Amino acid sequence: MLLEGGANVTVSDRHGATALHLAVRSGAPAHLIIALIGRGGACALDKRDARGVTPLCAAVKSANVDVTDVLLDEGASYVRTLLCEVPLGKST
């Protein structure tokens, strides 16, 4: 609904989290992540929040394989995720 209304998905909250961070953390399905990226969220693919977490890092931490795959397919940096101290082997 917010996307249809033209919500700005690139804005960060006071903790540095974008709509993409929040959607990934809340367990949003892959199709919503794709919609966010398509509406301007691509610039947030590698953005770190105040804790240094990228959306990909959050997806890996939550073991959300579908969203992890979407983020990687859309160009999220695997290297930046390695730097956020996530046990990558736990996502599979």
Protein backbone atom coordinates (compact mmCIF):
# COMPACT_ATOMS: atom_id res chain seq x y z
CA MET A 1 0.00 0.00 0.00
CA LEU A 2 2.77 2.43 0.87
CA LEU A 3 4.65 1.48 -2.29
CA GLU A 4 1.56 2.15 -4.38
CA GLY A 5 1.28 5.57 -2.74
CA GLY A 6 4.84 6.44 -3.76
CA ALA A 7 6.54 6.07 -0.38
CA ASN A 8 10.24 6.95 -0.43
CA VAL A 9 12.00 3.64 0.21
CA THR A 10 15.45 5.21 0.37
CA VAL A 11 14.93 7.15 3.61
CA SER A 12 16.69 5.82 6.72
CA ASP A 13 15.23 5.79 10.21
CA ARG A 14 17.12 7.08 13.25
CA HIS A 15 19.01 3.78 13.40
CA GLY A 16 20.14 4.00 9.79
CA ALA A 17 17.74 1.29 8.62
CA THR A 18 16.02 1.67 5.26
CA ALA A 19 12.73 0.12 4.19
CA LEU A 20 14.78 -2.73 2.74
CA HIS A 21 16.48 -3.39 6.09
CA LEU A 22 13.14 -3.34 7.89
CA ALA A 23 11.40 -5.57 5.36
CA VAL A 24 14.18 -8.16 5.52
CA ARG A 25 14.27 -8.11 9.33
CA SER A 26 10.50 -8.51 9.57
CA GLY A 27 10.56 -11.61 7.38
CA ALA A 28 8.91 -10.06 4.33
CA PRO A 29 8.52 -12.46 1.40
CA ALA A 30 10.86 -12.32 -1.57
CA HIS A 31 8.26 -10.69 -3.85
CA LEU A 32 8.01 -7.70 -1.48
CA ILE A 33 11.80 -7.38 -1.40
CA ILE A 34 11.81 -7.37 -5.20
CA ALA A 35 9.13 -4.66 -5.20
CA LEU A 36 11.14 -2.50 -2.77
CA ILE A 37 14.26 -2.85 -4.87
CA GLY A 38 12.31 -1.98 -7.99
CA ARG A 39 10.93 1.17 -6.37
CA GLY A 40 14.32 2.62 -5.52
CA GLY A 41 15.56 0.32 -2.81
CA ALA A 42 18.45 -0.89 -4.97
CA CYS A 43 20.56 1.97 -3.62
CA ALA A 44 20.18 0.40 -0.15
CA LEU A 45 21.41 -3.08 -1.11
CA ASP A 46 24.79 -2.51 0.56
CA LYS A 47 23.84 0.25 2.99
CA ARG A 48 24.83 -0.44 6.56
CA ASP A 49 22.59 0.56 9.43
CA ALA A 50 23.94 2.02 12.68
CA ARG A 51 24.99 -1.49 13.79
CA GLY A 52 26.87 -2.12 10.56
CA VAL A 53 24.29 -4.56 9.20
CA THR A 54 23.37 -4.68 5.50
CA PRO A 55 20.04 -6.09 4.26
CA LEU A 56 21.91 -9.16 3.00
CA CYS A 57 23.49 -9.63 6.40
CA ALA A 58 20.04 -9.49 8.02
CA ALA A 59 18.67 -12.03 5.52
CA VAL A 60 21.54 -14.42 6.20
CA LYS A 61 21.17 -14.01 9.98
CA SER A 62 17.50 -14.92 9.74
CA ALA A 63 18.27 -17.90 7.45
CA ASN A 64 15.88 -16.54 4.81
CA VAL A 65 17.32 -18.30 1.77
CA ASP A 66 14.78 -16.91 -0.72
CA VAL A 67 15.45 -13.29 0.27
CA THR A 68 19.19 -13.94 0.44
CA ASP A 69 19.06 -15.24 -3.13
CA VAL A 70 17.03 -12.22 -4.30
CA LEU A 71 19.46 -9.76 -2.72
CA LEU A 72 22.45 -11.52 -4.26
CA ASP A 73 20.73 -11.69 -7.66
CA GLU A 74 20.01 -7.95 -7.44
CA GLY A 75 23.68 -7.19 -6.78
CA ALA A 76 24.12 -7.07 -3.00
CA SER A 77 27.78 -7.39 -2.07
CA TYR A 78 28.75 -10.74 -0.61
CA VAL A 79 32.04 -9.23 0.59
CA ARG A 80 30.30 -6.50 2.61
CA THR A 81 28.21 -9.21 4.26
CA LEU A 82 31.30 -11.15 5.26
CA LEU A 83 32.42 -8.06 7.13
CA CYS A 84 29.31 -7.97 9.33
CA GLU A 85 30.34 -11.05 11.32
CA VAL A 86 27.49 -13.36 10.32
CA PRO A 87 27.98 -17.12 10.40
CA LEU A 88 27.23 -17.59 6.68
CA GLY A 89 27.11 -21.38 6.94
CA LYS A 90 23.97 -21.14 9.10
CA SER A 91 21.77 -19.97 6.21
CA THR A 92 21.73 -23.31 4.45
